[in-house]
Each structure stands twice: as structure tokens, then as C-alpha cells.
């Protein structure tokens, strides 16, 4: 069971969009409440989807697997650079 969704700053969506368009990877750390596991992995963002009032990162892992991460569960989201 997932905890209630906590809205994330808009720069999360902007940063994911830039990474998607530039085909760049992101090294992320996130928690999965369903399995009670934390993950650290490099992923390649593909899209952001909204489902049941929560926003999800859809990405591909280093091994080519599809990854779906709820944005508010990412613990180390990269900050915007200028």
C-alpha cells in the first residue's frame, strides 16, 4: 500500500522532460512501499504519467527493464542547473 501522494515541485517534471528529450540518464534513489525496498539505479526517463492523482516517472533501467517510480518517492532528485 502506498502512502498518500505528496505533490512535487514543478521542476521535477521539467528536469525529466529535459532528460527525456536529450536522452540522458538520471542516477536516482527511491523507495518502493509495496516491496519495502529502496533502490539506487541509473534510469533513462521516457515519460511522466498521471494516475489516480499521482505522477509517475516511466523509465528504462540499465538492463532495459521498464521502471515506474512515483515522483514523491524519489529521495535524491537532481536540482535544476543554470
PDB file of N, CA and C in Angstrom:
ATOM      1  N   UNK A   1       0.835  -1.179   0.000  1.00  0.00           N
ATOM      2  CA  UNK A   1       0.000   0.000   0.000  1.00  0.00           C
ATOM      3  C   UNK A   1       0.884   1.249   0.000  1.00  0.00           C
ATOM      4  N   UNK A   2       0.592   2.158  -0.885  1.00  0.00           N
ATOM      5  CA  UNK A   2       1.364   3.386  -0.990  1.00  0.00           C
ATOM      6  C   UNK A   2       0.804   4.456  -0.050  1.00  0.00           C
ATOM      7  N   UNK A   3       1.688   5.260   0.548  1.00  0.00           N
ATOM      8  CA  UNK A   3       1.206   6.390   1.346  1.00  0.00           C
ATOM      9  C   UNK A   3       0.549   7.419   0.426  1.00  0.00           C
ATOM     10  N   UNK A   4      -0.226   8.361   0.962  1.00  0.00           N
ATOM     11  CA  UNK A   4      -0.858   9.383   0.115  1.00  0.00           C
ATOM     12  C   UNK A   4       0.194  10.154  -0.682  1.00  0.00           C
ATOM     13  N   UNK A   5      -0.159  10.507  -1.903  1.00  0.00           N
ATOM     14  CA  UNK A   5       0.760  11.228  -2.784  1.00  0.00           C
ATOM     15  C   UNK A   5       0.983  12.643  -2.277  1.00  0.00           C
ATOM     16  N   UNK A   6       2.241  13.061  -2.264  1.00  0.00           N
ATOM     17  CA  UNK A   6       2.611  14.423  -1.903  1.00  0.00           C
ATOM     18  C   UNK A   6       3.076  15.130  -3.179  1.00  0.00           C
ATOM     19  N   UNK A   7       2.406  16.178  -3.620  1.00  0.00           N
ATOM     20  CA  UNK A   7       2.807  16.861  -4.854  1.00  0.00           C
ATOM     21  C   UNK A   7       4.280  17.268  -4.811  1.00  0.00           C
ATOM     22  N   UNK A   8       4.919  17.193  -5.971  1.00  0.00           N
ATOM     23  CA  UNK A   8       6.344  17.514  -6.086  1.00  0.00           C
ATOM     24  C   UNK A   8       6.512  18.880  -6.759  1.00  0.00           C
ATOM     25  N   UNK A   9       7.675  19.510  -6.577  1.00  0.00           N
ATOM     26  CA  UNK A   9       7.921  20.784  -7.255  1.00  0.00           C
ATOM     27  C   UNK A   9       7.862  20.605  -8.774  1.00  0.00           C
ATOM     28  N   UNK A  10       7.428  21.628  -9.479  1.00  0.00           N
ATOM     29  CA  UNK A  10       7.271  21.558 -10.938  1.00  0.00           C
ATOM     30  C   UNK A  10       8.598  21.306 -11.653  1.00  0.00           C
ATOM     31  N   UNK A  11       9.709  21.687 -11.028  1.00  0.00           N
ATOM     32  CA  UNK A  11      10.983  21.458 -11.714  1.00  0.00           C
ATOM     33  C   UNK A  11      11.265  19.969 -11.886  1.00  0.00           C
ATOM     34  N   UNK A  12      10.626  19.096 -11.099  1.00  0.00           N
ATOM     35  CA  UNK A  12      10.782  17.653 -11.318  1.00  0.00           C
ATOM     36  C   UNK A  12      10.344  17.298 -12.743  1.00  0.00           C
ATOM     37  N   UNK A  13       9.165  17.786 -13.127  1.00  0.00           N
ATOM     38  CA  UNK A  13       8.634  17.479 -14.458  1.00  0.00           C
ATOM     39  C   UNK A  13       9.532  18.095 -15.526  1.00  0.00           C
ATOM     40  N   UNK A  14       9.969  19.326 -15.307  1.00  0.00           N
ATOM     41  CA  UNK A  14      10.848  19.997 -16.273  1.00  0.00           C
ATOM     42  C   UNK A  14      12.154  19.233 -16.435  1.00  0.00           C
ATOM     43  N   UNK A  15      12.742  18.798 -15.322  1.00  0.00           N
ATOM     44  CA  UNK A  15      14.021  18.073 -15.375  1.00  0.00           C
ATOM     45  C   UNK A  15      13.862  16.740 -16.095  1.00  0.00           C
ATOM     46  N   UNK A  16      12.762  16.040 -15.844  1.00  0.00           N
ATOM     47  CA  UNK A  16      12.510  14.767 -16.522  1.00  0.00           C
ATOM     48  C   UNK A  16      12.305  15.002 -18.014  1.00  0.00           C
ATOM     49  N   UNK A  17      11.578  16.050 -18.363  1.00  0.00           N
ATOM     50  CA  UNK A  17      11.335  16.367 -19.776  1.00  0.00           C
ATOM     51  C   UNK A  17      12.653  16.637 -20.502  1.00  0.00           C
ATOM     52  N   UNK A  18      13.534  17.415 -19.883  1.00  0.00           N
ATOM     53  CA  UNK A  18      14.839  17.706 -20.491  1.00  0.00           C
ATOM     54  C   UNK A  18      15.642  16.420 -20.661  1.00  0.00           C
ATOM     55  N   UNK A  19      15.667  15.587 -19.627  1.00  0.00           N
ATOM     56  CA  UNK A  19      16.412  14.322 -19.715  1.00  0.00           C
ATOM     57  C   UNK A  19      15.842  13.428 -20.806  1.00  0.00           C
ATOM     58  N   UNK A  20      14.527  13.418 -20.946  1.00  0.00           N
ATOM     59  CA  UNK A  20      13.883  12.606 -21.989  1.00  0.00           C
ATOM     60  C   UNK A  20      14.269  13.103 -23.370  1.00  0.00           C
ATOM     61  N   UNK A  21      14.154  14.414 -23.590  1.00  0.00           N
ATOM     62  CA  UNK A  21      14.462  14.985 -24.903  1.00  0.00           C
ATOM     63  C   UNK A  21      15.930  14.825 -25.279  1.00  0.00           C
ATOM     64  N   UNK A  22      16.813  14.910 -24.283  1.00  0.00           N
ATOM     65  CA  UNK A  22      18.260  14.806 -24.533  1.00  0.00           C
ATOM     66  C   UNK A  22      18.772  13.372 -24.419  1.00  0.00           C
ATOM     67  N   UNK A  23      17.867  12.446 -24.108  1.00  0.00           N
ATOM     68  CA  UNK A  23      18.227  11.032 -23.925  1.00  0.00           C
ATOM     69  C   UNK A  23      19.349  10.861 -22.899  1.00  0.00           C
ATOM     70  N   UNK A  24      19.255  11.622 -21.806  1.00  0.00           N
ATOM     71  CA  UNK A  24      20.258  11.499 -20.762  1.00  0.00           C
ATOM     72  C   UNK A  24      19.723  10.653 -19.612  1.00  0.00           C
ATOM     73  N   UNK A  25      20.631  10.028 -18.917  1.00  0.00           N
ATOM     74  CA  UNK A  25      20.243   9.183 -17.790  1.00  0.00           C
ATOM     75  C   UNK A  25      20.206  10.001 -16.513  1.00  0.00           C
ATOM     76  N   UNK A  26      19.568   9.422 -15.508  1.00  0.00           N
ATOM     77  CA  UNK A  26      19.495  10.044 -14.188  1.00  0.00           C
ATOM     78  C   UNK A  26      19.817   8.968 -13.157  1.00  0.00           C
ATOM     79  N   UNK A  27      20.727   9.272 -12.238  1.00  0.00           N
ATOM     80  CA  UNK A  27      21.035   8.353 -11.145  1.00  0.00           C
ATOM     81  C   UNK A  27      20.094   8.699 -10.002  1.00  0.00           C
ATOM     82  N   UNK A  28      19.157   7.807  -9.726  1.00  0.00           N
ATOM     83  CA  UNK A  28      18.119   8.090  -8.738  1.00  0.00           C
ATOM     84  C   UNK A  28      18.134   7.096  -7.578  1.00  0.00           C
ATOM     85  N   UNK A  29      17.630   7.563  -6.451  1.00  0.00           N
ATOM     86  CA  UNK A  29      17.431   6.741  -5.260  1.00  0.00           C
ATOM     87  C   UNK A  29      15.957   6.883  -4.896  1.00  0.00           C
ATOM     88  N   UNK A  30      15.240   5.769  -4.816  1.00  0.00           N
ATOM     89  CA  UNK A  30      13.813   5.840  -4.493  1.00  0.00           C
ATOM     90  C   UNK A  30      13.400   4.670  -3.620  1.00  0.00           C
ATOM     91  N   UNK A  31      12.249   4.844  -3.002  1.00  0.00           N
ATOM     92  CA  UNK A  31      11.699   3.826  -2.115  1.00  0.00           C
ATOM     93  C   UNK A  31      10.426   3.268  -2.736  1.00  0.00           C
ATOM     94  N   UNK A  32      10.248   1.966  -2.639  1.00  0.00           N
ATOM     95  CA  UNK A  32       9.026   1.312  -3.115  1.00  0.00           C
ATOM     96  C   UNK A  32       8.282   0.768  -1.901  1.00  0.00           C
ATOM     97  N   UNK A  33       7.200   1.464  -1.474  1.00  0.00           N
ATOM     98  CA  UNK A  33       6.482   0.989  -0.293  1.00  0.00           C
ATOM     99  C   UNK A  33       5.831  -0.376  -0.485  1.00  0.00           C
ATOM    100  N   UNK A  34       5.530  -0.743  -1.724  1.00  0.00           N
ATOM    101  CA  UNK A  34       4.910  -2.047  -1.977  1.00  0.00           C
ATOM    102  C   UNK A  34       5.815  -3.199  -1.586  1.00  0.00           C
ATOM    103  N   UNK A  35       7.095  -3.087  -1.932  1.00  0.00           N
ATOM    104  CA  UNK A  35       8.048  -4.150  -1.613  1.00  0.00           C
ATOM    105  C   UNK A  35       8.886  -3.830  -0.377  1.00  0.00           C
ATOM    106  N   UNK A  36       8.718  -2.610   0.157  1.00  0.00           N
ATOM    107  CA  UNK A  36       9.522  -2.144   1.294  1.00  0.00           C
ATOM    108  C   UNK A  36      11.020  -2.133   0.981  1.00  0.00           C
ATOM    109  N   UNK A  37      11.361  -1.882  -0.286  1.00  0.00           N
ATOM    110  CA  UNK A  37      12.764  -1.830  -0.688  1.00  0.00           C
ATOM    111  C   UNK A  37      13.111  -0.438  -1.192  1.00  0.00           C
ATOM    112  N   UNK A  38      14.375  -0.094  -1.029  1.00  0.00           N
ATOM    113  CA  UNK A  38      14.903   1.132  -1.611  1.00  0.00           C
ATOM    114  C   UNK A  38      15.815   0.746  -2.757  1.00  0.00           C
ATOM    115  N   UNK A  39      15.858   1.595  -3.762  1.00  0.00           N
ATOM    116  CA  UNK A  39      16.648   1.321  -4.955  1.00  0.00           C
ATOM    117  C   UNK A  39      17.560   2.499  -5.262  1.00  0.00           C
ATOM    118  N   UNK A  40      18.722   2.211  -5.800  1.00  0.00           N
ATOM    119  CA  UNK A  40      19.622   3.207  -6.374  1.00  0.00           C
ATOM    120  C   UNK A  40      19.985   2.669  -7.746  1.00  0.00           C
ATOM    121  N   UNK A  41      19.648   3.435  -8.768  1.00  0.00           N
ATOM    122  CA  UNK A  41      19.914   2.939 -10.121  1.00  0.00           C
ATOM    123  C   UNK A  41      19.976   4.096 -11.103  1.00  0.00           C
ATOM    124  N   UNK A  42      20.624   3.847 -12.204  1.00  0.00           N
ATOM    125  CA  UNK A  42      20.644   4.784 -13.327  1.00  0.00           C
ATOM    126  C   UNK A  42      19.484   4.409 -14.233  1.00  0.00           C
ATOM    127  N   UNK A  43      18.643   5.402 -14.539  1.00  0.00           N
ATOM    128  CA  UNK A  43      17.499   5.165 -15.408  1.00  0.00           C
ATOM    129  C   UNK A  43      17.481   6.196 -16.530  1.00  0.00           C
ATOM    130  N   UNK A  44      16.823   5.845 -17.628  1.00  0.00           N
ATOM    131  CA  UNK A  44      16.631   6.737 -18.760  1.00  0.00           C
ATOM    132  C   UNK A  44      15.151   7.078 -18.830  1.00  0.00           C
ATOM    133  N   UNK A  45      14.801   8.327 -18.469  1.00  0.00           N
ATOM    134  CA  UNK A  45      13.397   8.734 -18.469  1.00  0.00           C
ATOM    135  C   UNK A  45      12.775   8.641 -19.860  1.00  0.00           C
ATOM    136  N   UNK A  46      11.522   8.194 -19.884  1.00  0.00           N
ATOM    137  CA  UNK A  46      10.757   8.096 -21.127  1.00  0.00           C
ATOM    138  C   UNK A  46       9.554   9.026 -21.126  1.00  0.00           C
ATOM    139  N   UNK A  47       8.912   9.166 -19.946  1.00  0.00           N
ATOM    140  CA  UNK A  47       7.694   9.970 -19.878  1.00  0.00           C
ATOM    141  C   UNK A  47       7.296  10.147 -18.416  1.00  0.00           C
ATOM    142  N   UNK A  48       6.349  11.049 -18.193  1.00  0.00           N
ATOM    143  CA  UNK A  48       5.711  11.205 -16.890  1.00  0.00           C
ATOM    144  C   UNK A  48       4.228  10.936 -17.107  1.00  0.00           C
ATOM    145  N   UNK A  49       3.659  10.093 -16.279  1.00  0.00           N
ATOM    146  CA  UNK A  49       2.239   9.750 -16.395  1.00  0.00           C
ATOM    147  C   UNK A  49       1.534  10.123 -15.098  1.00  0.00           C
ATOM    148  N   UNK A  50       0.252  10.452 -15.219  1.00  0.00           N
ATOM    149  CA  UNK A  50      -0.557  10.731 -14.040  1.00  0.00           C
ATOM    150  C   UNK A  50      -1.589   9.619 -13.908  1.00  0.00           C
ATOM    151  N   UNK A  51      -1.684   9.094 -12.694  1.00  0.00           N
ATOM    152  CA  UNK A  51      -2.632   8.011 -12.429  1.00  0.00           C
ATOM    153  C   UNK A  51      -3.135   8.120 -11.002  1.00  0.00           C
ATOM    154  N   UNK A  52      -4.434   8.141 -10.829  1.00  0.00           N
ATOM    155  CA  UNK A  52      -5.059   8.233  -9.503  1.00  0.00           C
ATOM    156  C   UNK A  52      -4.531   9.412  -8.696  1.00  0.00           C
ATOM    157  N   UNK A  53      -4.297  10.539  -9.360  1.00  0.00           N
ATOM    158  CA  UNK A  53      -3.854  11.745  -8.674  1.00  0.00           C
ATOM    159  C   UNK A  53      -2.384  11.797  -8.333  1.00  0.00           C
ATOM    160  N   UNK A  54      -1.615  10.806  -8.766  1.00  0.00           N
ATOM    161  CA  UNK A  54      -0.169  10.777  -8.513  1.00  0.00           C
ATOM    162  C   UNK A  54       0.578  10.840  -9.846  1.00  0.00           C
ATOM    163  N   UNK A  55       1.792  11.399  -9.802  1.00  0.00           N
ATOM    164  CA  UNK A  55       2.629  11.469 -11.010  1.00  0.00           C
ATOM    165  C   UNK A  55       3.717  10.414 -10.916  1.00  0.00           C
ATOM    166  N   UNK A  56       3.953   9.746 -12.032  1.00  0.00           N
ATOM    167  CA  UNK A  56       4.891   8.625 -12.098  1.00  0.00           C
ATOM    168  C   UNK A  56       5.918   8.853 -13.188  1.00  0.00           C
ATOM    169  N   UNK A  57       7.160   8.512 -12.897  1.00  0.00           N
ATOM    170  CA  UNK A  57       8.212   8.515 -13.900  1.00  0.00           C
ATOM    171  C   UNK A  57       8.214   7.150 -14.569  1.00  0.00           C
ATOM    172  N   UNK A  58       8.111   7.154 -15.887  1.00  0.00           N
ATOM    173  CA  UNK A  58       8.246   5.926 -16.663  1.00  0.00           C
ATOM    174  C   UNK A  58       9.632   5.975 -17.279  1.00  0.00           C
ATOM    175  N   UNK A  59      10.429   4.949 -17.046  1.00  0.00           N
ATOM    176  CA  UNK A  59      11.820   4.971 -17.472  1.00  0.00           C
ATOM    177  C   UNK A  59      12.279   3.572 -17.851  1.00  0.00           C
ATOM    178  N   UNK A  60      13.508   3.527 -18.358  1.00  0.00           N
ATOM    179  CA  UNK A  60      14.159   2.270 -18.711  1.00  0.00           C
ATOM    180  C   UNK A  60      15.403   2.145 -17.843  1.00  0.00           C
ATOM    181  N   UNK A  61      15.627   0.968 -17.290  1.00  0.00           N
ATOM    182  CA  UNK A  61      16.801   0.739 -16.437  1.00  0.00           C
ATOM    183  C   UNK A  61      18.016   0.394 -17.292  1.00  0.00           C
ATOM    184  N   UNK A  62      19.161   0.256 -16.637  1.00  0.00           N
ATOM    185  CA  UNK A  62      20.398  -0.119 -17.334  1.00  0.00           C
ATOM    186  C   UNK A  62      20.284  -1.477 -18.020  1.00  0.00           C
ATOM    187  N   UNK A  63      19.436  -2.343 -17.471  1.00  0.00           N
ATOM    188  CA  UNK A  63      19.259  -3.673 -18.056  1.00  0.00           C
ATOM    189  C   UNK A  63      18.159  -3.711 -19.111  1.00  0.00           C
ATOM    190  N   UNK A  64      17.524  -2.545 -19.359  1.00  0.00           N
ATOM    191  CA  UNK A  64      16.478  -2.471 -20.366  1.00  0.00           C
ATOM    192  C   UNK A  64      15.077  -2.718 -19.843  1.00  0.00           C
ATOM    193  N   UNK A  65      14.959  -2.958 -18.536  1.00  0.00           N
ATOM    194  CA  UNK A  65      13.639  -3.194 -17.940  1.00  0.00           C
ATOM    195  C   UNK A  65      12.863  -1.887 -17.816  1.00  0.00           C
ATOM    196  N   UNK A  66      11.548  -1.976 -17.892  1.00  0.00           N
ATOM    197  CA  UNK A  66      10.689  -0.823 -17.651  1.00  0.00           C
ATOM    198  C   UNK A  66      10.630  -0.562 -16.157  1.00  0.00           C
ATOM    199  N   UNK A  67      10.739   0.717 -15.791  1.00  0.00           N
ATOM    200  CA  UNK A  67      10.708   1.128 -14.395  1.00  0.00           C
ATOM    201  C   UNK A  67       9.619   2.172 -14.250  1.00  0.00           C
ATOM    202  N   UNK A  68       8.844   2.073 -13.183  1.00  0.00           N
ATOM    203  CA  UNK A  68       7.773   3.025 -12.891  1.00  0.00           C
ATOM    204  C   UNK A  68       7.965   3.498 -11.458  1.00  0.00           C
ATOM    205  N   UNK A  69       8.240   4.812 -11.290  1.00  0.00           N
ATOM    206  CA  UNK A  69       8.590   5.355  -9.976  1.00  0.00           C
ATOM    207  C   UNK A  69       7.670   6.530  -9.659  1.00  0.00           C
ATOM    208  N   UNK A  70       7.011   6.477  -8.517  1.00  0.00           N
ATOM    209  CA  UNK A  70       6.175   7.612  -8.115  1.00  0.00           C
ATOM    210  C   UNK A  70       7.103   8.767  -7.728  1.00  0.00           C
ATOM    211  N   UNK A  71       6.839   9.955  -8.294  1.00  0.00           N
ATOM    212  CA  UNK A  71       7.764  11.071  -8.152  1.00  0.00           C
ATOM    213  C   UNK A  71       8.032  11.474  -6.710  1.00  0.00           C
ATOM    214  N   UNK A  72       7.043  11.413  -5.838  1.00  0.00           N
ATOM    215  CA  UNK A  72       7.280  11.844  -4.456  1.00  0.00           C
ATOM    216  C   UNK A  72       8.084  10.835  -3.644  1.00  0.00           C
ATOM    217  N   UNK A  73       8.387   9.675  -4.221  1.00  0.00           N
ATOM    218  CA  UNK A  73       9.181   8.669  -3.528  1.00  0.00           C
ATOM    219  C   UNK A  73      10.646   8.689  -3.950  1.00  0.00           C
ATOM    220  N   UNK A  74      10.999   9.613  -4.853  1.00  0.00           N
ATOM    221  CA  UNK A  74      12.398   9.792  -5.246  1.00  0.00           C
ATOM    222  C   UNK A  74      13.072  10.614  -4.155  1.00  0.00           C
ATOM    223  N   UNK A  75      14.185  10.096  -3.634  1.00  0.00           N
ATOM    224  CA  UNK A  75      14.833  10.722  -2.478  1.00  0.00           C
ATOM    225  C   UNK A  75      15.979  11.661  -2.840  1.00  0.00           C
ATOM    226  N   UNK A  76      16.454  11.628  -4.061  1.00  0.00           N
ATOM    227  CA  UNK A  76      17.620  12.442  -4.410  1.00  0.00           C
ATOM    228  C   UNK A  76      17.421  13.159  -5.741  1.00  0.00           C
ATOM    229  N   UNK A  77      16.278  13.713  -5.970  1.00  0.00           N
ATOM    230  CA  UNK A  77      16.004  14.286  -7.289  1.00  0.00           C
ATOM    231  C   UNK A  77      17.011  15.383  -7.617  1.00  0.00           C
ATOM    232  N   UNK A  78      17.645  15.320  -8.800  1.00  0.00           N
ATOM    233  CA  UNK A  78      18.632  16.341  -9.177  1.00  0.00           C
ATOM    234  C   UNK A  78      17.998  17.730  -9.238  1.00  0.00           C
ATOM    235  N   UNK A  79      18.696  18.707  -8.678  1.00  0.00           N
ATOM    236  CA  UNK A  79      18.182  20.078  -8.710  1.00  0.00           C
ATOM    237  C   UNK A  79      18.463  20.714 -10.068  1.00  0.00           C
ATOM    238  N   UNK A  80      17.692  21.719 -10.431  1.00  0.00           N
ATOM    239  CA  UNK A  80      17.903  22.360 -11.729  1.00  0.00           C
ATOM    240  C   UNK A  80      19.261  23.036 -11.794  1.00  0.00           C
ATOM    241  N   UNK A  81      19.844  23.047 -12.977  1.00  0.00           N
ATOM    242  CA  UNK A  81      21.124  23.716 -13.194  1.00  0.00           C
ATOM    243  C   UNK A  81      20.919  24.896 -14.117  1.00  0.00           C
ATOM    244  N   UNK A  82      21.685  25.945 -13.895  1.00  0.00           N
ATOM    245  CA  UNK A  82      21.595  27.129 -14.762  1.00  0.00           C
ATOM    246  C   UNK A  82      22.923  27.404 -15.393  1.00  0.00           C
TER     247      UNK A  82
END
